[in-house]
Amino acid sequence: MNPDALSTTAQDYVKVVWNAAEWTDAPVTTKHLAERLGVSAPTVSENVRKLVAAGLLHHEPYGAITLTEGGRAAAVDMVRRHRLIETFLVTQLGYGWDEVHDEAEVLEHACSPRMIDAIDRLLGHPTRDPHGDPIPSAAGVVEAVKGTNLVDAAPGEWAVARLSDADPGVLRDLAALGLTVDASIRVHGPESAGGIRVETDEAASIVVPPTTASAVWLVTQGH
């Protein structure tokens, strides 16, 4: 199914379902979609029903919402657009990594496939966006990264693989703490007063608040 033939709402829904399943095995529910899309649960239920009828989603009563093969293809195309646009805005137009998510949310619906391919060529076919998220290839191949959330990381040496871009304020906090993509850190573990103690590249010992830590995904050194 051609993603450009879908409505903006359909594009948003399949992308959010795909994103939700990218880093967690938790089932995608109507409640999750309502929170992520900022709409009411009845609105989500109605739109999911329409997308099931359109062959983009599966949804058993009271069960998880998943993508059909066609839904996954459309979702991956939208994710590719979003992440290439974010990369373009940071590397070519001087945007901060905390400023690009909302811009990309708008532009991803307006750019033609030709423009997205041109951006990809201009950037040298990048494989990750500014937040460490993998960029799907033009053929729809995604090099998935199995990361460990900082909240769950065992003590030891780790590298920052990906940062959630859902909250620009959290991204600014992470930059201030030195927790940027590819940074090497040593995790010491939870503090009794809350938060996770880590050492950064600069050997600074810091305590990362729980909410901020939940936005950080790690891989073992040398991964």
N, C-alpha and C. Protein backbone atom coordinates (compact mmCIF):
# COMPACT_ATOMS: atom_id res chain seq x y z
N MET A 1 0.85 -1.20 0.00
CA MET A 1 0.00 0.00 0.00
C MET A 1 0.88 1.25 0.00
N ASN A 2 0.56 2.18 -0.87
CA ASN A 2 1.33 3.42 -0.98
C ASN A 2 1.04 4.32 0.22
N PRO A 3 2.04 4.62 1.07
CA PRO A 3 1.79 5.47 2.24
C PRO A 3 1.25 6.83 1.88
N ASP A 4 1.61 7.35 0.70
CA ASP A 4 1.12 8.67 0.29
C ASP A 4 -0.37 8.67 0.03
N ALA A 5 -0.95 7.49 -0.19
CA ALA A 5 -2.39 7.40 -0.43
C ALA A 5 -3.19 7.39 0.87
N LEU A 6 -2.49 7.26 2.00
CA LEU A 6 -3.16 7.22 3.29
C LEU A 6 -3.41 8.62 3.83
N SER A 7 -4.41 8.74 4.68
CA SER A 7 -4.66 10.00 5.35
C SER A 7 -3.55 10.27 6.37
N THR A 8 -3.44 11.52 6.78
CA THR A 8 -2.46 11.87 7.81
C THR A 8 -2.73 11.09 9.09
N THR A 9 -4.00 10.92 9.43
CA THR A 9 -4.36 10.16 10.63
C THR A 9 -3.87 8.72 10.53
N ALA A 10 -4.11 8.09 9.39
CA ALA A 10 -3.67 6.71 9.21
C ALA A 10 -2.15 6.61 9.29
N GLN A 11 -1.45 7.55 8.67
CA GLN A 11 0.01 7.56 8.74
C GLN A 11 0.50 7.68 10.18
N ASP A 12 -0.15 8.54 10.94
CA ASP A 12 0.24 8.73 12.34
C ASP A 12 0.00 7.46 13.16
N TYR A 13 -1.12 6.83 12.96
CA TYR A 13 -1.47 5.65 13.76
C TYR A 13 -0.52 4.49 13.50
N VAL A 14 -0.25 4.19 12.23
CA VAL A 14 0.62 3.05 11.96
C VAL A 14 2.04 3.33 12.46
N LYS A 15 2.48 4.58 12.37
CA LYS A 15 3.83 4.92 12.85
C LYS A 15 3.92 4.78 14.36
N VAL A 16 2.90 5.25 15.07
CA VAL A 16 2.92 5.16 16.53
C VAL A 16 2.88 3.71 16.99
N VAL A 17 2.09 2.87 16.32
CA VAL A 17 2.05 1.45 16.68
C VAL A 17 3.43 0.82 16.46
N TRP A 18 4.06 1.15 15.35
CA TRP A 18 5.40 0.60 15.07
C TRP A 18 6.41 1.09 16.10
N ASN A 19 6.40 2.40 16.38
CA ASN A 19 7.35 2.95 17.36
C ASN A 19 7.18 2.31 18.72
N ALA A 20 5.93 2.09 19.11
CA ALA A 20 5.68 1.53 20.44
C ALA A 20 6.27 0.13 20.58
N ALA A 21 6.25 -0.62 19.49
CA ALA A 21 6.75 -1.99 19.54
C ALA A 21 8.25 -2.08 19.30
N GLU A 22 8.86 -0.94 18.94
CA GLU A 22 10.28 -0.97 18.57
C GLU A 22 11.19 -1.27 19.76
N TRP A 23 10.83 -0.74 20.93
CA TRP A 23 11.73 -0.84 22.08
C TRP A 23 11.12 -1.56 23.27
N THR A 24 9.94 -2.10 23.11
CA THR A 24 9.32 -2.81 24.23
C THR A 24 8.44 -3.93 23.70
N ASP A 25 8.32 -4.98 24.48
CA ASP A 25 7.43 -6.08 24.11
C ASP A 25 6.03 -5.90 24.68
N ALA A 26 5.81 -4.80 25.41
CA ALA A 26 4.50 -4.56 26.00
C ALA A 26 3.46 -4.38 24.89
N PRO A 27 2.26 -4.93 25.07
CA PRO A 27 1.24 -4.81 24.02
C PRO A 27 0.81 -3.36 23.83
N VAL A 28 0.53 -3.00 22.58
CA VAL A 28 0.04 -1.66 22.26
C VAL A 28 -1.47 -1.66 22.46
N THR A 29 -1.95 -0.77 23.30
CA THR A 29 -3.37 -0.72 23.64
C THR A 29 -4.01 0.58 23.17
N THR A 30 -5.32 0.62 23.23
CA THR A 30 -6.05 1.85 22.92
C THR A 30 -5.61 2.98 23.85
N LYS A 31 -5.42 2.66 25.12
CA LYS A 31 -4.98 3.67 26.08
C LYS A 31 -3.63 4.25 25.69
N HIS A 32 -2.70 3.37 25.29
CA HIS A 32 -1.37 3.84 24.89
C HIS A 32 -1.47 4.80 23.70
N LEU A 33 -2.25 4.41 22.70
CA LEU A 33 -2.38 5.27 21.52
C LEU A 33 -3.01 6.61 21.87
N ALA A 34 -4.01 6.59 22.76
CA ALA A 34 -4.66 7.83 23.16
C ALA A 34 -3.67 8.77 23.82
N GLU A 35 -2.81 8.22 24.70
CA GLU A 35 -1.82 9.04 25.38
C GLU A 35 -0.77 9.57 24.40
N ARG A 36 -0.32 8.71 23.50
CA ARG A 36 0.75 9.11 22.58
C ARG A 36 0.26 10.10 21.53
N LEU A 37 -0.99 9.96 21.09
CA LEU A 37 -1.52 10.82 20.04
C LEU A 37 -2.26 12.03 20.58
N GLY A 38 -2.51 12.05 21.89
CA GLY A 38 -3.19 13.19 22.49
C GLY A 38 -4.65 13.31 22.11
N VAL A 39 -5.31 12.17 21.96
CA VAL A 39 -6.74 12.17 21.63
C VAL A 39 -7.48 11.28 22.61
N SER A 40 -8.80 11.29 22.55
CA SER A 40 -9.59 10.50 23.49
C SER A 40 -9.59 9.03 23.12
N ALA A 41 -9.86 8.18 24.11
CA ALA A 41 -9.95 6.74 23.86
C ALA A 41 -11.04 6.40 22.85
N PRO A 42 -12.24 7.02 22.92
CA PRO A 42 -13.25 6.72 21.90
C PRO A 42 -12.79 7.08 20.49
N THR A 43 -12.04 8.18 20.36
CA THR A 43 -11.52 8.56 19.05
C THR A 43 -10.56 7.51 18.52
N VAL A 44 -9.67 7.03 19.42
CA VAL A 44 -8.73 5.98 19.03
C VAL A 44 -9.49 4.72 18.61
N SER A 45 -10.47 4.33 19.39
CA SER A 45 -11.24 3.11 19.07
C SER A 45 -11.87 3.20 17.70
N GLU A 46 -12.44 4.35 17.37
CA GLU A 46 -13.09 4.53 16.07
C GLU A 46 -12.07 4.49 14.94
N ASN A 47 -10.93 5.17 15.14
CA ASN A 47 -9.92 5.18 14.08
C ASN A 47 -9.27 3.81 13.91
N VAL A 48 -9.06 3.11 15.00
CA VAL A 48 -8.49 1.76 14.90
C VAL A 48 -9.46 0.86 14.13
N ARG A 49 -10.75 0.99 14.43
CA ARG A 49 -11.74 0.20 13.71
C ARG A 49 -11.64 0.45 12.21
N LYS A 50 -11.50 1.71 11.82
CA LYS A 50 -11.40 2.04 10.39
C LYS A 50 -10.12 1.48 9.78
N LEU A 51 -9.02 1.51 10.54
CA LEU A 51 -7.75 1.03 10.01
C LEU A 51 -7.71 -0.50 9.95
N VAL A 52 -8.45 -1.15 10.84
CA VAL A 52 -8.61 -2.60 10.73
C VAL A 52 -9.36 -2.93 9.44
N ALA A 53 -10.44 -2.19 9.19
CA ALA A 53 -11.22 -2.41 7.97
C ALA A 53 -10.40 -2.12 6.71
N ALA A 54 -9.44 -1.18 6.83
CA ALA A 54 -8.60 -0.83 5.68
C ALA A 54 -7.44 -1.80 5.50
N GLY A 55 -7.31 -2.76 6.41
CA GLY A 55 -6.25 -3.76 6.28
C GLY A 55 -4.90 -3.33 6.78
N LEU A 56 -4.86 -2.29 7.64
CA LEU A 56 -3.59 -1.78 8.16
C LEU A 56 -3.28 -2.27 9.57
N LEU A 57 -4.32 -2.57 10.34
CA LEU A 57 -4.14 -3.00 11.73
C LEU A 57 -4.90 -4.29 12.00
N HIS A 58 -4.40 -5.02 13.00
CA HIS A 58 -5.13 -6.12 13.61
C HIS A 58 -5.52 -5.67 15.02
N HIS A 59 -6.74 -6.02 15.45
CA HIS A 59 -7.13 -5.71 16.83
C HIS A 59 -8.24 -6.64 17.27
N GLU A 60 -7.87 -7.59 18.11
CA GLU A 60 -8.86 -8.46 18.71
C GLU A 60 -9.53 -7.71 19.87
N PRO A 61 -10.80 -7.96 20.14
CA PRO A 61 -11.47 -7.27 21.25
C PRO A 61 -10.68 -7.41 22.55
N TYR A 62 -10.40 -6.27 23.18
CA TYR A 62 -9.66 -6.19 24.44
C TYR A 62 -8.22 -6.70 24.32
N GLY A 63 -7.76 -6.89 23.09
CA GLY A 63 -6.40 -7.38 22.88
C GLY A 63 -5.47 -6.29 22.38
N ALA A 64 -4.26 -6.69 22.03
CA ALA A 64 -3.26 -5.75 21.55
C ALA A 64 -3.56 -5.29 20.13
N ILE A 65 -3.07 -4.12 19.81
CA ILE A 65 -3.18 -3.57 18.46
C ILE A 65 -1.85 -3.83 17.75
N THR A 66 -1.90 -4.48 16.60
CA THR A 66 -0.68 -4.80 15.86
C THR A 66 -0.85 -4.40 14.40
N LEU A 67 0.26 -4.39 13.69
CA LEU A 67 0.26 -4.00 12.28
C LEU A 67 0.10 -5.21 11.38
N THR A 68 -0.63 -5.03 10.31
CA THR A 68 -0.64 -6.03 9.24
C THR A 68 0.64 -5.84 8.42
N GLU A 69 0.86 -6.70 7.46
CA GLU A 69 2.04 -6.54 6.60
C GLU A 69 2.00 -5.20 5.88
N GLY A 70 0.83 -4.84 5.38
CA GLY A 70 0.70 -3.55 4.71
C GLY A 70 0.86 -2.39 5.67
N GLY A 71 0.35 -2.55 6.88
CA GLY A 71 0.50 -1.52 7.89
C GLY A 71 1.94 -1.31 8.28
N ARG A 72 2.69 -2.41 8.39
CA ARG A 72 4.11 -2.30 8.74
C ARG A 72 4.88 -1.57 7.64
N ALA A 73 4.60 -1.89 6.38
CA ALA A 73 5.29 -1.23 5.28
C ALA A 73 5.04 0.28 5.30
N ALA A 74 3.80 0.66 5.55
CA ALA A 74 3.47 2.08 5.62
C ALA A 74 4.14 2.74 6.82
N ALA A 75 4.16 2.04 7.94
CA ALA A 75 4.76 2.58 9.16
C ALA A 75 6.25 2.80 8.99
N VAL A 76 6.94 1.82 8.42
CA VAL A 76 8.39 1.93 8.23
C VAL A 76 8.72 3.08 7.28
N ASP A 77 7.88 3.27 6.26
CA ASP A 77 8.09 4.40 5.35
C ASP A 77 7.97 5.71 6.10
N MET A 78 7.00 5.84 6.99
CA MET A 78 6.82 7.07 7.74
C MET A 78 7.98 7.27 8.74
N VAL A 79 8.42 6.20 9.35
CA VAL A 79 9.56 6.30 10.29
C VAL A 79 10.81 6.75 9.53
N ARG A 80 11.01 6.20 8.34
CA ARG A 80 12.15 6.61 7.51
C ARG A 80 12.09 8.11 7.20
N ARG A 81 10.93 8.57 6.79
CA ARG A 81 10.76 9.99 6.50
C ARG A 81 11.10 10.84 7.73
N HIS A 82 10.50 10.47 8.86
CA HIS A 82 10.66 11.24 10.09
C HIS A 82 12.13 11.35 10.48
N ARG A 83 12.81 10.23 10.48
CA ARG A 83 14.19 10.23 10.99
C ARG A 83 15.17 10.86 10.01
N LEU A 84 14.93 10.74 8.72
CA LEU A 84 15.78 11.44 7.75
C LEU A 84 15.57 12.95 7.85
N ILE A 85 14.33 13.38 8.02
CA ILE A 85 14.07 14.81 8.16
C ILE A 85 14.73 15.36 9.43
N GLU A 86 14.64 14.62 10.54
CA GLU A 86 15.30 15.07 11.77
C GLU A 86 16.81 15.21 11.54
N THR A 87 17.40 14.24 10.86
CA THR A 87 18.84 14.28 10.60
C THR A 87 19.19 15.46 9.71
N PHE A 88 18.38 15.71 8.70
CA PHE A 88 18.60 16.85 7.80
C PHE A 88 18.53 18.17 8.57
N LEU A 89 17.54 18.31 9.42
CA LEU A 89 17.37 19.57 10.16
C LEU A 89 18.57 19.84 11.08
N VAL A 90 19.10 18.78 11.69
CA VAL A 90 20.24 18.96 12.61
C VAL A 90 21.53 19.22 11.84
N THR A 91 21.80 18.39 10.83
CA THR A 91 23.11 18.46 10.17
C THR A 91 23.21 19.55 9.12
N GLN A 92 22.08 19.92 8.51
CA GLN A 92 22.12 20.88 7.41
C GLN A 92 21.56 22.25 7.76
N LEU A 93 20.62 22.30 8.69
CA LEU A 93 19.96 23.58 8.99
C LEU A 93 20.25 24.11 10.39
N GLY A 94 21.06 23.40 11.14
CA GLY A 94 21.49 23.92 12.43
C GLY A 94 20.50 23.82 13.56
N TYR A 95 19.49 22.98 13.42
CA TYR A 95 18.54 22.78 14.52
C TYR A 95 19.22 22.02 15.66
N GLY A 96 18.75 22.26 16.88
CA GLY A 96 19.17 21.45 18.01
C GLY A 96 18.44 20.13 18.00
N TRP A 97 19.05 19.10 18.59
CA TRP A 97 18.40 17.79 18.56
C TRP A 97 17.11 17.75 19.36
N ASP A 98 16.91 18.76 20.23
CA ASP A 98 15.67 18.85 21.01
C ASP A 98 14.59 19.64 20.28
N GLU A 99 14.90 20.14 19.07
CA GLU A 99 13.96 21.00 18.35
C GLU A 99 13.32 20.32 17.13
N VAL A 100 13.80 19.15 16.77
CA VAL A 100 13.44 18.62 15.45
C VAL A 100 12.22 17.72 15.43
N HIS A 101 11.85 17.14 16.56
CA HIS A 101 10.78 16.14 16.53
C HIS A 101 9.47 16.72 16.01
N ASP A 102 9.05 17.85 16.57
CA ASP A 102 7.77 18.44 16.17
C ASP A 102 7.79 18.91 14.72
N GLU A 103 8.96 19.46 14.28
CA GLU A 103 9.07 19.88 12.88
C GLU A 103 8.91 18.67 11.96
N ALA A 104 9.59 17.57 12.32
CA ALA A 104 9.53 16.38 11.48
C ALA A 104 8.13 15.78 11.46
N GLU A 105 7.40 15.91 12.58
CA GLU A 105 6.03 15.39 12.63
C GLU A 105 5.16 16.05 11.56
N VAL A 106 5.43 17.31 11.26
CA VAL A 106 4.67 18.03 10.23
C VAL A 106 5.19 17.71 8.84
N LEU A 107 6.52 17.82 8.68
CA LEU A 107 7.12 17.69 7.35
C LEU A 107 7.01 16.29 6.77
N GLU A 108 6.98 15.27 7.62
CA GLU A 108 6.95 13.89 7.12
C GLU A 108 5.71 13.62 6.27
N HIS A 109 4.64 14.37 6.50
CA HIS A 109 3.41 14.17 5.73
C HIS A 109 3.43 14.95 4.41
N ALA A 110 4.32 15.94 4.33
CA ALA A 110 4.32 16.82 3.16
C ALA A 110 5.38 16.45 2.13
N CYS A 111 6.43 15.76 2.56
CA CYS A 111 7.53 15.46 1.64
C CYS A 111 7.17 14.30 0.71
N SER A 112 7.53 14.45 -0.54
CA SER A 112 7.31 13.37 -1.51
C SER A 112 8.40 12.32 -1.37
N PRO A 113 8.16 11.11 -1.87
CA PRO A 113 9.22 10.09 -1.86
C PRO A 113 10.49 10.57 -2.55
N ARG A 114 10.34 11.34 -3.61
CA ARG A 114 11.51 11.85 -4.33
C ARG A 114 12.35 12.75 -3.42
N MET A 115 11.68 13.61 -2.66
CA MET A 115 12.42 14.50 -1.77
C MET A 115 13.12 13.72 -0.67
N ILE A 116 12.43 12.72 -0.10
CA ILE A 116 13.03 11.91 0.95
C ILE A 116 14.27 11.19 0.42
N ASP A 117 14.18 10.64 -0.79
CA ASP A 117 15.34 9.96 -1.38
C ASP A 117 16.48 10.95 -1.64
N ALA A 118 16.14 12.17 -2.03
CA ALA A 118 17.16 13.19 -2.26
C ALA A 118 17.86 13.57 -0.95
N ILE A 119 17.08 13.70 0.11
CA ILE A 119 17.67 13.99 1.43
C ILE A 119 18.59 12.86 1.85
N ASP A 120 18.15 11.63 1.63
CA ASP A 120 18.96 10.46 1.98
C ASP A 120 20.30 10.49 1.24
N ARG A 121 20.27 10.79 -0.05
CA ARG A 121 21.52 10.86 -0.83
C ARG A 121 22.41 11.99 -0.35
N LEU A 122 21.81 13.15 -0.11
CA LEU A 122 22.58 14.31 0.35
C LEU A 122 23.31 14.01 1.66
N LEU A 123 22.65 13.28 2.53
CA LEU A 123 23.23 12.99 3.85
C LEU A 123 24.18 11.79 3.83
N GLY A 124 24.31 11.14 2.68
CA GLY A 124 25.21 10.00 2.60
C GLY A 124 24.62 8.72 3.15
N HIS A 125 23.30 8.58 3.07
CA HIS A 125 22.59 7.39 3.52
C HIS A 125 22.89 7.06 4.99
N PRO A 126 22.53 7.97 5.89
CA PRO A 126 22.79 7.73 7.32
C PRO A 126 21.98 6.55 7.83
N THR A 127 22.52 5.88 8.84
CA THR A 127 21.83 4.72 9.42
C THR A 127 21.19 5.01 10.76
N ARG A 128 21.51 6.18 11.35
CA ARG A 128 20.90 6.57 12.62
C ARG A 128 20.57 8.05 12.59
N ASP A 129 19.51 8.41 13.29
CA ASP A 129 19.15 9.83 13.39
C ASP A 129 19.87 10.47 14.58
N PRO A 130 19.67 11.77 14.84
CA PRO A 130 20.42 12.43 15.92
C PRO A 130 20.17 11.86 17.31
N HIS A 131 19.08 11.10 17.48
CA HIS A 131 18.78 10.52 18.79
C HIS A 131 19.22 9.06 18.88
N GLY A 132 19.89 8.57 17.82
CA GLY A 132 20.36 7.20 17.81
C GLY A 132 19.38 6.19 17.26
N ASP A 133 18.21 6.65 16.84
CA ASP A 133 17.21 5.73 16.29
C ASP A 133 17.65 5.24 14.91
N PRO A 134 17.50 3.95 14.62
CA PRO A 134 17.87 3.44 13.29
C PRO A 134 16.96 4.00 12.21
N ILE A 135 17.56 4.35 11.08
CA ILE A 135 16.81 4.88 9.94
C ILE A 135 16.57 3.73 8.96
N PRO A 136 15.32 3.38 8.70
CA PRO A 136 15.04 2.30 7.73
C PRO A 136 15.61 2.63 6.36
N SER A 137 16.06 1.61 5.65
CA SER A 137 16.55 1.81 4.29
C SER A 137 15.37 2.04 3.34
N ALA A 138 15.70 2.41 2.11
CA ALA A 138 14.65 2.63 1.11
C ALA A 138 13.87 1.35 0.84
N ALA A 139 14.51 0.20 1.10
CA ALA A 139 13.85 -1.09 0.89
C ALA A 139 13.04 -1.53 2.11
N GLY A 140 13.04 -0.70 3.17
CA GLY A 140 12.27 -1.04 4.35
C GLY A 140 12.99 -1.89 5.36
N VAL A 141 14.31 -2.03 5.22
CA VAL A 141 15.11 -2.81 6.17
C VAL A 141 15.49 -1.94 7.35
N VAL A 142 15.27 -2.47 8.56
CA VAL A 142 15.59 -1.73 9.78
C VAL A 142 16.63 -2.51 10.57
N GLU A 143 17.77 -1.89 10.84
CA GLU A 143 18.81 -2.54 11.65
C GLU A 143 18.47 -2.30 13.12
N ALA A 144 17.67 -3.19 13.68
CA ALA A 144 17.19 -3.01 15.05
C ALA A 144 18.34 -3.11 16.04
N VAL A 145 18.25 -2.31 17.09
CA VAL A 145 19.22 -2.33 18.18
C VAL A 145 18.51 -2.80 19.43
N LYS A 146 19.02 -3.85 20.04
CA LYS A 146 18.45 -4.37 21.27
C LYS A 146 19.10 -3.64 22.45
N GLY A 147 18.49 -2.58 22.88
CA GLY A 147 19.05 -1.78 23.95
C GLY A 147 18.50 -2.16 25.32
N THR A 148 19.20 -1.70 26.34
CA THR A 148 18.78 -1.87 27.73
C THR A 148 18.52 -0.50 28.32
N ASN A 149 17.36 -0.31 28.91
CA ASN A 149 17.05 0.98 29.50
C ASN A 149 17.98 1.24 30.68
N LEU A 150 18.41 2.50 30.84
CA LEU A 150 19.30 2.86 31.93
C LEU A 150 18.72 2.47 33.28
N VAL A 151 17.43 2.54 33.42
CA VAL A 151 16.78 2.18 34.69
C VAL A 151 17.05 0.72 35.04
N ASP A 152 17.20 -0.14 34.02
CA ASP A 152 17.36 -1.58 34.22
C ASP A 152 18.79 -2.06 34.05
N ALA A 153 19.72 -1.14 33.74
CA ALA A 153 21.09 -1.54 33.41
C ALA A 153 21.86 -2.00 34.64
N ALA A 154 22.58 -3.11 34.48
CA ALA A 154 23.44 -3.61 35.56
C ALA A 154 24.67 -2.73 35.68
N PRO A 155 25.29 -2.67 36.85
CA PRO A 155 26.54 -1.91 37.00
C PRO A 155 27.59 -2.38 35.99
N GLY A 156 28.33 -1.43 35.44
CA GLY A 156 29.37 -1.77 34.48
C GLY A 156 29.51 -0.74 33.39
N GLU A 157 30.27 -1.09 32.35
CA GLU A 157 30.56 -0.19 31.24
C GLU A 157 29.50 -0.32 30.15
N TRP A 158 28.97 0.82 29.73
CA TRP A 158 27.93 0.84 28.70
C TRP A 158 28.19 1.99 27.73
N ALA A 159 27.51 1.95 26.59
CA ALA A 159 27.51 3.07 25.65
C ALA A 159 26.07 3.49 25.39
N VAL A 160 25.85 4.79 25.28
CA VAL A 160 24.51 5.30 25.01
C VAL A 160 24.16 5.03 23.55
N ALA A 161 23.07 4.31 23.33
CA ALA A 161 22.69 3.93 21.97
C ALA A 161 21.56 4.77 21.40
N ARG A 162 20.62 5.14 22.28
CA ARG A 162 19.43 5.83 21.79
C ARG A 162 18.79 6.62 22.91
N LEU A 163 18.24 7.77 22.55
CA LEU A 163 17.57 8.64 23.52
C LEU A 163 16.17 8.94 23.01
N SER A 164 15.19 8.79 23.87
CA SER A 164 13.82 9.09 23.46
C SER A 164 13.69 10.58 23.16
N ASP A 165 13.05 10.89 22.03
CA ASP A 165 12.85 12.30 21.65
C ASP A 165 11.44 12.78 21.95
N ALA A 166 10.74 12.04 22.82
CA ALA A 166 9.34 12.39 23.10
C ALA A 166 9.22 13.70 23.86
N ASP A 167 10.22 14.07 24.65
CA ASP A 167 10.15 15.27 25.49
C ASP A 167 11.39 16.12 25.26
N PRO A 168 11.26 17.28 24.59
CA PRO A 168 12.43 18.13 24.35
C PRO A 168 13.15 18.55 25.63
N GLY A 169 12.39 18.76 26.70
CA GLY A 169 12.99 19.14 27.96
C GLY A 169 13.92 18.07 28.49
N VAL A 170 13.52 16.81 28.36
CA VAL A 170 14.37 15.69 28.79
C VAL A 170 15.63 15.64 27.94
N LEU A 171 15.52 15.88 26.64
CA LEU A 171 16.70 15.89 25.78
C LEU A 171 17.69 16.97 26.21
N ARG A 172 17.18 18.13 26.58
CA ARG A 172 18.07 19.20 27.04
C ARG A 172 18.75 18.79 28.35
N ASP A 173 18.00 18.14 29.23
CA ASP A 173 18.59 17.67 30.49
C ASP A 173 19.69 16.64 30.21
N LEU A 174 19.45 15.73 29.27
CA LEU A 174 20.43 14.71 28.95
C LEU A 174 21.71 15.33 28.39
N ALA A 175 21.55 16.33 27.52
CA ALA A 175 22.73 17.00 26.97
C ALA A 175 23.53 17.68 28.08
N ALA A 176 22.84 18.31 29.02
CA ALA A 176 23.52 18.98 30.13
C ALA A 176 24.27 17.99 31.01
N LEU A 177 23.77 16.76 31.09
CA LEU A 177 24.40 15.72 31.90
C LEU A 177 25.52 14.99 31.16
N GLY A 178 25.67 15.28 29.86
CA GLY A 178 26.69 14.59 29.08
C GLY A 178 26.24 13.24 28.56
N LEU A 179 24.95 12.98 28.62
CA LEU A 179 24.41 11.70 28.14
C LEU A 179 23.93 11.86 26.71
N THR A 180 24.87 11.81 25.78
CA THR A 180 24.56 11.97 24.37
C THR A 180 24.82 10.65 23.65
N VAL A 181 24.33 10.56 22.43
CA VAL A 181 24.47 9.31 21.66
C VAL A 181 25.95 8.96 21.50
N ASP A 182 26.28 7.71 21.76
CA ASP A 182 27.62 7.13 21.67
C ASP A 182 28.51 7.48 22.86
N ALA A 183 28.00 8.23 23.82
CA ALA A 183 28.80 8.51 25.02
C ALA A 183 29.06 7.22 25.79
N SER A 184 30.28 7.07 26.31
CA SER A 184 30.62 5.92 27.16
C SER A 184 30.35 6.28 28.61
N ILE A 185 29.68 5.39 29.32
CA ILE A 185 29.39 5.66 30.73
C ILE A 185 29.63 4.41 31.56
N ARG A 186 29.84 4.63 32.83
CA ARG A 186 29.89 3.53 33.79
C ARG A 186 28.67 3.66 34.69
N VAL A 187 27.87 2.62 34.72
CA VAL A 187 26.69 2.61 35.57
C VAL A 187 27.06 2.05 36.94
N HIS A 188 26.73 2.79 37.99
CA HIS A 188 26.98 2.33 39.35
C HIS A 188 25.73 1.73 39.97
N GLY A 189 24.55 2.18 39.53
CA GLY A 189 23.32 1.61 40.03
C GLY A 189 22.43 2.61 40.73
N PRO A 190 21.28 2.14 41.22
CA PRO A 190 20.31 3.03 41.86
C PRO A 190 20.84 3.64 43.15
N GLU A 191 20.42 4.86 43.39
CA GLU A 191 20.71 5.55 44.65
C GLU A 191 19.54 5.32 45.60
N SER A 192 19.81 5.29 46.88
CA SER A 192 18.75 5.07 47.86
C SER A 192 17.71 6.18 47.83
N ALA A 193 18.15 7.40 47.47
CA ALA A 193 17.24 8.53 47.42
C ALA A 193 16.53 8.65 46.07
N GLY A 194 16.81 7.72 45.16
CA GLY A 194 16.20 7.76 43.84
C GLY A 194 17.18 8.18 42.77
N GLY A 195 16.96 7.74 41.55
CA GLY A 195 17.85 8.06 40.45
C GLY A 195 18.93 6.99 40.29
N ILE A 196 19.67 7.11 39.18
CA ILE A 196 20.72 6.15 38.84
C ILE A 196 22.06 6.90 38.80
N ARG A 197 23.06 6.40 39.57
CA ARG A 197 24.38 7.04 39.55
C ARG A 197 25.21 6.47 38.41
N VAL A 198 25.78 7.38 37.61
CA VAL A 198 26.64 6.98 36.50
C VAL A 198 27.86 7.90 36.46
N GLU A 199 28.90 7.45 35.75
CA GLU A 199 30.05 8.29 35.42
C GLU A 199 30.07 8.47 33.92
N THR A 200 30.29 9.69 33.48
CA THR A 200 30.30 10.00 32.06
C THR A 200 31.71 9.96 31.50
N ASP A 201 31.84 10.28 30.20
CA ASP A 201 33.15 10.32 29.55
C ASP A 201 34.12 11.22 30.29
N GLU A 202 33.59 12.30 30.84
CA GLU A 202 34.45 13.27 31.53
C GLU A 202 34.74 12.85 32.97
N ALA A 203 34.39 11.61 33.32
CA ALA A 203 34.61 11.05 34.66
C ALA A 203 33.80 11.80 35.72
N ALA A 204 32.75 12.50 35.27
CA ALA A 204 31.88 13.18 36.22
C ALA A 204 30.88 12.18 36.78
N SER A 205 30.73 12.16 38.09
CA SER A 205 29.77 11.26 38.72
C SER A 205 28.47 12.03 38.92
N ILE A 206 27.40 11.52 38.32
CA ILE A 206 26.12 12.23 38.36
C ILE A 206 25.02 11.25 38.72
N VAL A 207 23.93 11.79 39.25
CA VAL A 207 22.74 11.00 39.52
C VAL A 207 21.67 11.41 38.52
N VAL A 208 21.22 10.46 37.72
CA VAL A 208 20.23 10.74 36.68
C VAL A 208 18.84 10.47 37.26
N PRO A 209 17.97 11.48 37.29
CA PRO A 209 16.61 11.28 37.82
C PRO A 209 15.89 10.16 37.09
N PRO A 210 14.97 9.46 37.76
CA PRO A 210 14.28 8.32 37.13
C PRO A 210 13.61 8.64 35.80
N THR A 211 12.91 9.78 35.73
CA THR A 211 12.22 10.12 34.48
C THR A 211 13.20 10.33 33.35
N THR A 212 14.32 10.98 33.64
CA THR A 212 15.35 11.20 32.63
C THR A 212 16.01 9.89 32.25
N ALA A 213 16.29 9.06 33.25
CA ALA A 213 16.95 7.78 32.98
C ALA A 213 16.11 6.89 32.08
N SER A 214 14.80 6.97 32.20
CA SER A 214 13.92 6.11 31.40
C SER A 214 13.97 6.47 29.92
N ALA A 215 14.56 7.62 29.58
CA ALA A 215 14.67 8.03 28.18
C ALA A 215 15.99 7.59 27.55
N VAL A 216 16.84 6.90 28.32
CA VAL A 216 18.17 6.52 27.85
C VAL A 216 18.24 5.01 27.63
N TRP A 217 18.70 4.62 26.45
CA TRP A 217 18.86 3.20 26.13
C TRP A 217 20.33 2.92 25.85
N LEU A 218 20.83 1.83 26.41
CA LEU A 218 22.25 1.53 26.38
C LEU A 218 22.53 0.21 25.65
N VAL A 219 23.76 0.09 25.16
CA VAL A 219 24.28 -1.18 24.66
C VAL A 219 25.63 -1.40 25.33
N THR A 220 26.07 -2.65 25.36
CA THR A 220 27.36 -2.94 25.96
C THR A 220 28.47 -2.32 25.12
N GLN A 221 29.58 -1.99 25.76
CA GLN A 221 30.69 -1.38 25.06
C GLN A 221 31.17 -2.28 23.93
N GLY A 222 31.43 -1.65 22.77
CA GLY A 222 31.92 -2.39 21.62
C GLY A 222 30.83 -3.04 20.79
N HIS A 223 29.55 -2.80 21.17
CA HIS A 223 28.44 -3.42 20.42
C HIS A 223 28.38 -2.84 19.01
